[in-house]
Amino acid sequence: MRERRSRDRIILEVLSICIEGENITRIVYRANTNFTTVKSYMEFLIKNGLIEVTQGIPTLYKTTQKGVNVRNRLKKLREELEEIDMGKLNGAR
């Protein structure tokens, strides 16, 4: 059985997917989730100024500069946490 992704992991993935601008269907497929889940994350990210919406056919979602900054911090934090976890696995303190 596949491990559930954390909220911050999904946010990191969505922010990364939307760097160049992407439509909702591609976001769903690339994030490997469903429309209901993506919709709730998109509402949160838009409300907090991390994603901007470009109206058109199709509607595009693009990561804002604030979103890029959050993405970079989340990515760095995840890398640091993985290093700590690997240290524990290897017996380091």
PDB file of N, CA and C in Angstrom:
ATOM      1  N   MET A   1       0.831  -1.184   0.000  1.00  0.00           N
ATOM      2  CA  MET A   1       0.000   0.000   0.000  1.00  0.00           C
ATOM      3  C   MET A   1       0.874   1.246   0.000  1.00  0.00           C
ATOM      4  N   ARG A   2       0.473   2.223  -0.743  1.00  0.00           N
ATOM      5  CA  ARG A   2       1.242   3.450  -0.887  1.00  0.00           C
ATOM      6  C   ARG A   2       1.087   4.344   0.337  1.00  0.00           C
ATOM      7  N   GLU A   3       2.177   4.971   0.746  1.00  0.00           N
ATOM      8  CA  GLU A   3       2.161   5.884   1.883  1.00  0.00           C
ATOM      9  C   GLU A   3       1.449   7.174   1.493  1.00  0.00           C
ATOM     10  N   ARG A   4       0.639   7.691   2.410  1.00  0.00           N
ATOM     11  CA  ARG A   4      -0.049   8.959   2.164  1.00  0.00           C
ATOM     12  C   ARG A   4       0.951  10.097   2.154  1.00  0.00           C
ATOM     13  N   ARG A   5       0.734  11.037   1.255  1.00  0.00           N
ATOM     14  CA  ARG A   5       1.600  12.221   1.201  1.00  0.00           C
ATOM     15  C   ARG A   5       1.121  13.249   2.206  1.00  0.00           C
ATOM     16  N   SER A   6       2.058  13.966   2.773  1.00  0.00           N
ATOM     17  CA  SER A   6       1.715  15.019   3.716  1.00  0.00           C
ATOM     18  C   SER A   6       1.179  16.238   2.959  1.00  0.00           C
ATOM     19  N   ARG A   7       0.537  17.101   3.701  1.00  0.00           N
ATOM     20  CA  ARG A   7      -0.018  18.320   3.118  1.00  0.00           C
ATOM     21  C   ARG A   7       1.082  19.169   2.483  1.00  0.00           C
ATOM     22  N   ASP A   8       2.197  19.312   3.205  1.00  0.00           N
ATOM     23  CA  ASP A   8       3.288  20.131   2.665  1.00  0.00           C
ATOM     24  C   ASP A   8       3.880  19.513   1.407  1.00  0.00           C
ATOM     25  N   ARG A   9       3.885  18.206   1.311  1.00  0.00           N
ATOM     26  CA  ARG A   9       4.405  17.531   0.115  1.00  0.00           C
ATOM     27  C   ARG A   9       3.518  17.823  -1.101  1.00  0.00           C
ATOM     28  N   ILE A  10       2.206  17.760  -0.896  1.00  0.00           N
ATOM     29  CA  ILE A  10       1.281  18.046  -1.995  1.00  0.00           C
ATOM     30  C   ILE A  10       1.389  19.512  -2.402  1.00  0.00           C
ATOM     31  N   ILE A  11       1.499  20.415  -1.431  1.00  0.00           N
ATOM     32  CA  ILE A  11       1.660  21.842  -1.736  1.00  0.00           C
ATOM     33  C   ILE A  11       2.943  22.053  -2.537  1.00  0.00           C
ATOM     34  N   LEU A  12       4.029  21.429  -2.120  1.00  0.00           N
ATOM     35  CA  LEU A  12       5.298  21.526  -2.842  1.00  0.00           C
ATOM     36  C   LEU A  12       5.145  21.036  -4.279  1.00  0.00           C
ATOM     37  N   GLU A  13       4.469  19.916  -4.468  1.00  0.00           N
ATOM     38  CA  GLU A  13       4.265  19.372  -5.812  1.00  0.00           C
ATOM     39  C   GLU A  13       3.437  20.318  -6.681  1.00  0.00           C
ATOM     40  N   VAL A  14       2.349  20.838  -6.135  1.00  0.00           N
ATOM     41  CA  VAL A  14       1.480  21.729  -6.915  1.00  0.00           C
ATOM     42  C   VAL A  14       2.221  23.013  -7.280  1.00  0.00           C
ATOM     43  N   LEU A  15       2.940  23.593  -6.320  1.00  0.00           N
ATOM     44  CA  LEU A  15       3.707  24.804  -6.614  1.00  0.00           C
ATOM     45  C   LEU A  15       4.754  24.539  -7.698  1.00  0.00           C
ATOM     46  N   SER A  16       5.367  23.384  -7.667  1.00  0.00           N
ATOM     47  CA  SER A  16       6.369  23.023  -8.676  1.00  0.00           C
ATOM     48  C   SER A  16       5.731  22.821 -10.045  1.00  0.00           C
ATOM     49  N   ILE A  17       4.601  22.157 -10.084  1.00  0.00           N
ATOM     50  CA  ILE A  17       3.894  21.904 -11.335  1.00  0.00           C
ATOM     51  C   ILE A  17       3.476  23.217 -12.004  1.00  0.00           C
ATOM     52  N   CYS A  18       3.109  24.199 -11.198  1.00  0.00           N
ATOM     53  CA  CYS A  18       2.555  25.454 -11.728  1.00  0.00           C
ATOM     54  C   CYS A  18       3.600  26.528 -12.007  1.00  0.00           C
ATOM     55  N   ILE A  19       4.874  26.223 -11.886  1.00  0.00           N
ATOM     56  CA  ILE A  19       5.934  27.223 -12.101  1.00  0.00           C
ATOM     57  C   ILE A  19       5.769  27.930 -13.442  1.00  0.00           C
ATOM     58  N   GLU A  20       5.541  27.193 -14.505  1.00  0.00           N
ATOM     59  CA  GLU A  20       5.417  27.770 -15.847  1.00  0.00           C
ATOM     60  C   GLU A  20       3.970  28.067 -16.232  1.00  0.00           C
ATOM     61  N   GLY A  21       3.029  27.685 -15.369  1.00  0.00           N
ATOM     62  CA  GLY A  21       1.612  27.833 -15.681  1.00  0.00           C
ATOM     63  C   GLY A  21       1.070  26.511 -16.198  1.00  0.00           C
ATOM     64  N   GLU A  22      -0.066  26.093 -15.660  1.00  0.00           N
ATOM     65  CA  GLU A  22      -0.620  24.789 -16.041  1.00  0.00           C
ATOM     66  C   GLU A  22      -2.128  24.815 -15.859  1.00  0.00           C
ATOM     67  N   ASN A  23      -2.834  23.990 -16.656  1.00  0.00           N
ATOM     68  CA  ASN A  23      -4.286  23.902 -16.497  1.00  0.00           C
ATOM     69  C   ASN A  23      -4.615  22.858 -15.432  1.00  0.00           C
ATOM     70  N   ILE A  24      -5.845  22.901 -14.942  1.00  0.00           N
ATOM     71  CA  ILE A  24      -6.239  22.081 -13.801  1.00  0.00           C
ATOM     72  C   ILE A  24      -6.121  20.580 -14.080  1.00  0.00           C
ATOM     73  N   THR A  25      -6.440  20.162 -15.288  1.00  0.00           N
ATOM     74  CA  THR A  25      -6.363  18.738 -15.619  1.00  0.00           C
ATOM     75  C   THR A  25      -4.927  18.230 -15.524  1.00  0.00           C
ATOM     76  N   ARG A  26      -3.993  18.994 -16.065  1.00  0.00           N
ATOM     77  CA  ARG A  26      -2.574  18.599 -16.000  1.00  0.00           C
ATOM     78  C   ARG A  26      -2.071  18.605 -14.565  1.00  0.00           C
ATOM     79  N   ILE A  27      -2.557  19.547 -13.763  1.00  0.00           N
ATOM     80  CA  ILE A  27      -2.146  19.585 -12.357  1.00  0.00           C
ATOM     81  C   ILE A  27      -2.602  18.313 -11.653  1.00  0.00           C
ATOM     82  N   VAL A  28      -3.859  17.923 -11.884  1.00  0.00           N
ATOM     83  CA  VAL A  28      -4.403  16.706 -11.270  1.00  0.00           C
ATOM     84  C   VAL A  28      -3.569  15.488 -11.663  1.00  0.00           C
ATOM     85  N   TYR A  29      -3.298  15.349 -12.954  1.00  0.00           N
ATOM     86  CA  TYR A  29      -2.552  14.181 -13.423  1.00  0.00           C
ATOM     87  C   TYR A  29      -1.114  14.182 -12.933  1.00  0.00           C
ATOM     88  N   ARG A  30      -0.457  15.325 -13.008  1.00  0.00           N
ATOM     89  CA  ARG A  30       0.951  15.391 -12.599  1.00  0.00           C
ATOM     90  C   ARG A  30       1.123  15.256 -11.092  1.00  0.00           C
ATOM     91  N   ALA A  31       0.127  15.703 -10.316  1.00  0.00           N
ATOM     92  CA  ALA A  31       0.186  15.575  -8.858  1.00  0.00           C
ATOM     93  C   ALA A  31      -0.313  14.200  -8.408  1.00  0.00           C
ATOM     94  N   ASN A  32      -0.818  13.421  -9.354  1.00  0.00           N
ATOM     95  CA  ASN A  32      -1.304  12.075  -9.085  1.00  0.00           C
ATOM     96  C   ASN A  32      -2.347  12.075  -7.960  1.00  0.00           C
ATOM     97  N   THR A  33      -3.364  12.904  -8.146  1.00  0.00           N
ATOM     98  CA  THR A  33      -4.446  13.005  -7.168  1.00  0.00           C
ATOM     99  C   THR A  33      -5.761  13.211  -7.908  1.00  0.00           C
ATOM    100  N   ASN A  34      -6.792  13.658  -7.233  1.00  0.00           N
ATOM    101  CA  ASN A  34      -8.092  13.830  -7.886  1.00  0.00           C
ATOM    102  C   ASN A  34      -8.504  15.298  -7.896  1.00  0.00           C
ATOM    103  N   PHE A  35      -9.546  15.595  -8.661  1.00  0.00           N
ATOM    104  CA  PHE A  35      -9.988  16.983  -8.824  1.00  0.00           C
ATOM    105  C   PHE A  35     -10.444  17.597  -7.500  1.00  0.00           C
ATOM    106  N   THR A  36     -11.124  16.821  -6.676  1.00  0.00           N
ATOM    107  CA  THR A  36     -11.613  17.346  -5.400  1.00  0.00           C
ATOM    108  C   THR A  36     -10.452  17.787  -4.515  1.00  0.00           C
ATOM    109  N   THR A  37      -9.438  16.963  -4.422  1.00  0.00           N
ATOM    110  CA  THR A  37      -8.271  17.284  -3.604  1.00  0.00           C
ATOM    111  C   THR A  37      -7.540  18.494  -4.162  1.00  0.00           C
ATOM    112  N   VAL A  38      -7.299  18.493  -5.469  1.00  0.00           N
ATOM    113  CA  VAL A  38      -6.581  19.607  -6.093  1.00  0.00           C
ATOM    114  C   VAL A  38      -7.367  20.902  -5.931  1.00  0.00           C
ATOM    115  N   LYS A  39      -8.680  20.846  -6.078  1.00  0.00           N
ATOM    116  CA  LYS A  39      -9.497  22.060  -5.961  1.00  0.00           C
ATOM    117  C   LYS A  39      -9.317  22.692  -4.583  1.00  0.00           C
ATOM    118  N   SER A  40      -9.336  21.896  -3.529  1.00  0.00           N
ATOM    119  CA  SER A  40      -9.185  22.466  -2.189  1.00  0.00           C
ATOM    120  C   SER A  40      -7.788  23.063  -1.991  1.00  0.00           C
ATOM    121  N   TYR A  41      -6.767  22.407  -2.512  1.00  0.00           N
ATOM    122  CA  TYR A  41      -5.407  22.953  -2.417  1.00  0.00           C
ATOM    123  C   TYR A  41      -5.277  24.236  -3.242  1.00  0.00           C
ATOM    124  N   MET A  42      -5.864  24.254  -4.421  1.00  0.00           N
ATOM    125  CA  MET A  42      -5.780  25.445  -5.271  1.00  0.00           C
ATOM    126  C   MET A  42      -6.464  26.628  -4.602  1.00  0.00           C
ATOM    127  N   GLU A  43      -7.620  26.406  -3.990  1.00  0.00           N
ATOM    128  CA  GLU A  43      -8.302  27.487  -3.272  1.00  0.00           C
ATOM    129  C   GLU A  43      -7.407  28.053  -2.171  1.00  0.00           C
ATOM    130  N   PHE A  44      -6.769  27.171  -1.415  1.00  0.00           N
ATOM    131  CA  PHE A  44      -5.859  27.589  -0.348  1.00  0.00           C
ATOM    132  C   PHE A  44      -4.670  28.374  -0.910  1.00  0.00           C
ATOM    133  N   LEU A  45      -4.060  27.862  -1.971  1.00  0.00           N
ATOM    134  CA  LEU A  45      -2.875  28.504  -2.550  1.00  0.00           C
ATOM    135  C   LEU A  45      -3.211  29.854  -3.186  1.00  0.00           C
ATOM    136  N   ILE A  46      -4.354  29.947  -3.849  1.00  0.00           N
ATOM    137  CA  ILE A  46      -4.792  31.211  -4.456  1.00  0.00           C
ATOM    138  C   ILE A  46      -5.102  32.232  -3.359  1.00  0.00           C
ATOM    139  N   LYS A  47      -5.843  31.803  -2.348  1.00  0.00           N
ATOM    140  CA  LYS A  47      -6.221  32.688  -1.244  1.00  0.00           C
ATOM    141  C   LYS A  47      -4.992  33.285  -0.556  1.00  0.00           C
ATOM    142  N   ASN A  48      -3.915  32.514  -0.494  1.00  0.00           N
ATOM    143  CA  ASN A  48      -2.702  32.960   0.190  1.00  0.00           C
ATOM    144  C   ASN A  48      -1.674  33.585  -0.746  1.00  0.00           C
ATOM    145  N   GLY A  49      -2.062  33.826  -1.991  1.00  0.00           N
ATOM    146  CA  GLY A  49      -1.194  34.524  -2.934  1.00  0.00           C
ATOM    147  C   GLY A  49      -0.025  33.712  -3.448  1.00  0.00           C
ATOM    148  N   LEU A  50      -0.139  32.384  -3.406  1.00  0.00           N
ATOM    149  CA  LEU A  50       0.950  31.524  -3.869  1.00  0.00           C
ATOM    150  C   LEU A  50       0.757  31.070  -5.313  1.00  0.00           C
ATOM    151  N   ILE A  51      -0.484  31.135  -5.770  1.00  0.00           N
ATOM    152  CA  ILE A  51      -0.848  30.776  -7.148  1.00  0.00           C
ATOM    153  C   ILE A  51      -1.717  31.907  -7.692  1.00  0.00           C
ATOM    154  N   GLU A  52      -1.493  32.269  -8.972  1.00  0.00           N
ATOM    155  CA  GLU A  52      -2.364  33.243  -9.626  1.00  0.00           C
ATOM    156  C   GLU A  52      -3.104  32.555 -10.761  1.00  0.00           C
ATOM    157  N   VAL A  53      -4.285  33.066 -11.060  1.00  0.00           N
ATOM    158  CA  VAL A  53      -5.145  32.476 -12.081  1.00  0.00           C
ATOM    159  C   VAL A  53      -5.157  33.382 -13.298  1.00  0.00           C
ATOM    160  N   THR A  54      -4.947  32.786 -14.464  1.00  0.00           N
ATOM    161  CA  THR A  54      -5.044  33.504 -15.733  1.00  0.00           C
ATOM    162  C   THR A  54      -6.267  32.976 -16.463  1.00  0.00           C
ATOM    163  N   GLN A  55      -7.273  33.830 -16.607  1.00  0.00           N
ATOM    164  CA  GLN A  55      -8.511  33.417 -17.273  1.00  0.00           C
ATOM    165  C   GLN A  55      -8.262  33.238 -18.761  1.00  0.00           C
ATOM    166  N   GLY A  56      -8.854  32.234 -19.310  1.00  0.00           N
ATOM    167  CA  GLY A  56      -8.734  31.949 -20.732  1.00  0.00           C
ATOM    168  C   GLY A  56      -9.242  30.551 -20.994  1.00  0.00           C
ATOM    169  N   ILE A  57      -8.956  30.059 -22.162  1.00  0.00           N
ATOM    170  CA  ILE A  57      -9.335  28.687 -22.506  1.00  0.00           C
ATOM    171  C   ILE A  57      -8.066  27.942 -22.858  1.00  0.00           C
ATOM    172  N   PRO A  58      -7.554  27.115 -22.004  1.00  0.00           N
ATOM    173  CA  PRO A  58      -8.055  26.817 -20.660  1.00  0.00           C
ATOM    174  C   PRO A  58      -7.552  27.839 -19.638  1.00  0.00           C
ATOM    175  N   THR A  59      -8.172  27.820 -18.461  1.00  0.00           N
ATOM    176  CA  THR A  59      -7.704  28.646 -17.350  1.00  0.00           C
ATOM    177  C   THR A  59      -6.355  28.091 -16.899  1.00  0.00           C
ATOM    178  N   LEU A  60      -5.391  28.974 -16.708  1.00  0.00           N
ATOM    179  CA  LEU A  60      -4.061  28.552 -16.275  1.00  0.00           C
ATOM    180  C   LEU A  60      -3.795  29.005 -14.851  1.00  0.00           C
ATOM    181  N   TYR A  61      -3.046  28.180 -14.144  1.00  0.00           N
ATOM    182  CA  TYR A  61      -2.642  28.458 -12.768  1.00  0.00           C
ATOM    183  C   TYR A  61      -1.125  28.549 -12.745  1.00  0.00           C
ATOM    184  N   LYS A  62      -0.614  29.652 -12.205  1.00  0.00           N
ATOM    185  CA  LYS A  62       0.826  29.893 -12.222  1.00  0.00           C
ATOM    186  C   LYS A  62       1.298  30.259 -10.823  1.00  0.00           C
ATOM    187  N   THR A  63       2.425  29.711 -10.443  1.00  0.00           N
ATOM    188  CA  THR A  63       3.028  30.008  -9.145  1.00  0.00           C
ATOM    189  C   THR A  63       3.527  31.453  -9.146  1.00  0.00           C
ATOM    190  N   THR A  64       3.151  32.202  -8.118  1.00  0.00           N
ATOM    191  CA  THR A  64       3.603  33.586  -7.975  1.00  0.00           C
ATOM    192  C   THR A  64       5.025  33.598  -7.409  1.00  0.00           C
ATOM    193  N   GLN A  65       5.635  34.774  -7.354  1.00  0.00           N
ATOM    194  CA  GLN A  65       6.967  34.875  -6.758  1.00  0.00           C
ATOM    195  C   GLN A  65       6.933  34.454  -5.291  1.00  0.00           C
ATOM    196  N   LYS A  66       5.884  34.847  -4.591  1.00  0.00           N
ATOM    197  CA  LYS A  66       5.721  34.410  -3.196  1.00  0.00           C
ATOM    198  C   LYS A  66       5.638  32.880  -3.141  1.00  0.00           C
ATOM    199  N   GLY A  67       4.912  32.288  -4.089  1.00  0.00           N
ATOM    200  CA  GLY A  67       4.794  30.837  -4.163  1.00  0.00           C
ATOM    201  C   GLY A  67       6.121  30.168  -4.449  1.00  0.00           C
ATOM    202  N   VAL A  68       6.934  30.774  -5.324  1.00  0.00           N
ATOM    203  CA  VAL A  68       8.267  30.237  -5.632  1.00  0.00           C
ATOM    204  C   VAL A  68       9.125  30.261  -4.372  1.00  0.00           C
ATOM    205  N   ASN A  69       9.045  31.354  -3.607  1.00  0.00           N
ATOM    206  CA  ASN A  69       9.821  31.453  -2.372  1.00  0.00           C
ATOM    207  C   ASN A  69       9.402  30.387  -1.360  1.00  0.00           C
ATOM    208  N   VAL A  70       8.089  30.183  -1.206  1.00  0.00           N
ATOM    209  CA  VAL A  70       7.580  29.155  -0.294  1.00  0.00           C
ATOM    210  C   VAL A  70       8.016  27.783  -0.779  1.00  0.00           C
ATOM    211  N   ARG A  71       7.898  27.542  -2.077  1.00  0.00           N
ATOM    212  CA  ARG A  71       8.315  26.259  -2.663  1.00  0.00           C
ATOM    213  C   ARG A  71       9.779  25.975  -2.355  1.00  0.00           C
ATOM    214  N   ASN A  72      10.635  26.972  -2.551  1.00  0.00           N
ATOM    215  CA  ASN A  72      12.065  26.777  -2.310  1.00  0.00           C
ATOM    216  C   ASN A  72      12.352  26.481  -0.842  1.00  0.00           C
ATOM    217  N   ARG A  73      11.655  27.171   0.056  1.00  0.00           N
ATOM    218  CA  ARG A  73      11.848  26.914   1.494  1.00  0.00           C
ATOM    219  C   ARG A  73      11.347  25.524   1.873  1.00  0.00           C
ATOM    220  N   LEU A  74      10.178  25.129   1.346  1.00  0.00           N
ATOM    221  CA  LEU A  74       9.654  23.788   1.623  1.00  0.00           C
ATOM    222  C   LEU A  74      10.603  22.707   1.109  1.00  0.00           C
ATOM    223  N   LYS A  75      11.117  22.915  -0.102  1.00  0.00           N
ATOM    224  CA  LYS A  75      12.032  21.945  -0.702  1.00  0.00           C
ATOM    225  C   LYS A  75      13.296  21.795   0.154  1.00  0.00           C
ATOM    226  N   LYS A  76      13.843  22.929   0.601  1.00  0.00           N
ATOM    227  CA  LYS A  76      15.043  22.919   1.435  1.00  0.00           C
ATOM    228  C   LYS A  76      14.769  22.219   2.765  1.00  0.00           C
ATOM    229  N   LEU A  77      13.641  22.528   3.378  1.00  0.00           N
ATOM    230  CA  LEU A  77      13.275  21.908   4.643  1.00  0.00           C
ATOM    231  C   LEU A  77      13.117  20.404   4.490  1.00  0.00           C
ATOM    232  N   ARG A  78      12.458  19.960   3.437  1.00  0.00           N
ATOM    233  CA  ARG A  78      12.287  18.512   3.203  1.00  0.00           C
ATOM    234  C   ARG A  78      13.641  17.825   3.034  1.00  0.00           C
ATOM    235  N   GLU A  79      14.553  18.478   2.301  1.00  0.00           N
ATOM    236  CA  GLU A  79      15.891  17.906   2.117  1.00  0.00           C
ATOM    237  C   GLU A  79      16.613  17.781   3.451  1.00  0.00           C
ATOM    238  N   GLU A  80      16.522  18.814   4.281  1.00  0.00           N
ATOM    239  CA  GLU A  80      17.177  18.778   5.588  1.00  0.00           C
ATOM    240  C   GLU A  80      16.574  17.701   6.479  1.00  0.00           C
ATOM    241  N   LEU A  81      15.244  17.562   6.458  1.00  0.00           N
ATOM    242  CA  LEU A  81      14.591  16.534   7.257  1.00  0.00           C
ATOM    243  C   LEU A  81      14.974  15.131   6.785  1.00  0.00           C
ATOM    244  N   GLU A  82      15.106  14.951   5.475  1.00  0.00           N
ATOM    245  CA  GLU A  82      15.523  13.649   4.953  1.00  0.00           C
ATOM    246  C   GLU A  82      16.942  13.312   5.400  1.00  0.00           C
ATOM    247  N   GLU A  83      17.815  14.317   5.446  1.00  0.00           N
ATOM    248  CA  GLU A  83      19.182  14.095   5.929  1.00  0.00           C
ATOM    249  C   GLU A  83      19.171  13.666   7.388  1.00  0.00           C
ATOM    250  N   ILE A  84      18.331  14.317   8.185  1.00  0.00           N
ATOM    251  CA  ILE A  84      18.227  13.956   9.608  1.00  0.00           C
ATOM    252  C   ILE A  84      17.716  12.531   9.741  1.00  0.00           C
ATOM    253  N   ASP A  85      16.671  12.192   8.992  1.00  0.00           N
ATOM    254  CA  ASP A  85      16.117  10.839   9.036  1.00  0.00           C
ATOM    255  C   ASP A  85      17.140   9.805   8.607  1.00  0.00           C
ATOM    256  N   MET A  86      17.925  10.097   7.574  1.00  0.00           N
ATOM    257  CA  MET A  86      18.946   9.161   7.116  1.00  0.00           C
ATOM    258  C   MET A  86      20.026   9.006   8.185  1.00  0.00           C
ATOM    259  N   GLY A  87      20.336  10.081   8.887  1.00  0.00           N
ATOM    260  CA  GLY A  87      21.315  10.000   9.974  1.00  0.00           C
ATOM    261  C   GLY A  87      20.836   9.083  11.081  1.00  0.00           C
ATOM    262  N   LYS A  88      19.551   9.149  11.407  1.00  0.00           N
ATOM    263  CA  LYS A  88      18.988   8.264  12.431  1.00  0.00           C
ATOM    264  C   LYS A  88      19.047   6.825  11.988  1.00  0.00           C
ATOM    265  N   LEU A  89      18.756   6.583  10.717  1.00  0.00           N
ATOM    266  CA  LEU A  89      18.784   5.222  10.191  1.00  0.00           C
ATOM    267  C   LEU A  89      20.200   4.632  10.234  1.00  0.00           C
ATOM    268  N   ASN A  90      21.187   5.485  10.043  1.00  0.00           N
ATOM    269  CA  ASN A  90      22.574   5.032  10.021  1.00  0.00           C
ATOM    270  C   ASN A  90      23.214   5.035  11.402  1.00  0.00           C
ATOM    271  N   GLY A  91      22.443   5.347  12.440  1.00  0.00           N
ATOM    272  CA  GLY A  91      22.958   5.312  13.797  1.00  0.00           C
ATOM    273  C   GLY A  91      23.627   6.597  14.244  1.00  0.00           C
ATOM    274  N   ALA A  92      23.633   7.624  13.432  1.00  0.00           N
ATOM    275  CA  ALA A  92      24.252   8.899  13.811  1.00  0.00           C
ATOM    276  C   ALA A  92      23.323   9.675  14.741  1.00  0.00           C
ATOM    277  N   ARG A  93      23.901  10.556  15.510  1.00  0.00           N
ATOM    278  CA  ARG A  93      23.085  11.391  16.399  1.00  0.00           C
ATOM    279  C   ARG A  93      23.278  12.827  16.059  1.00  0.00           C
TER     280      ARG A  93
END
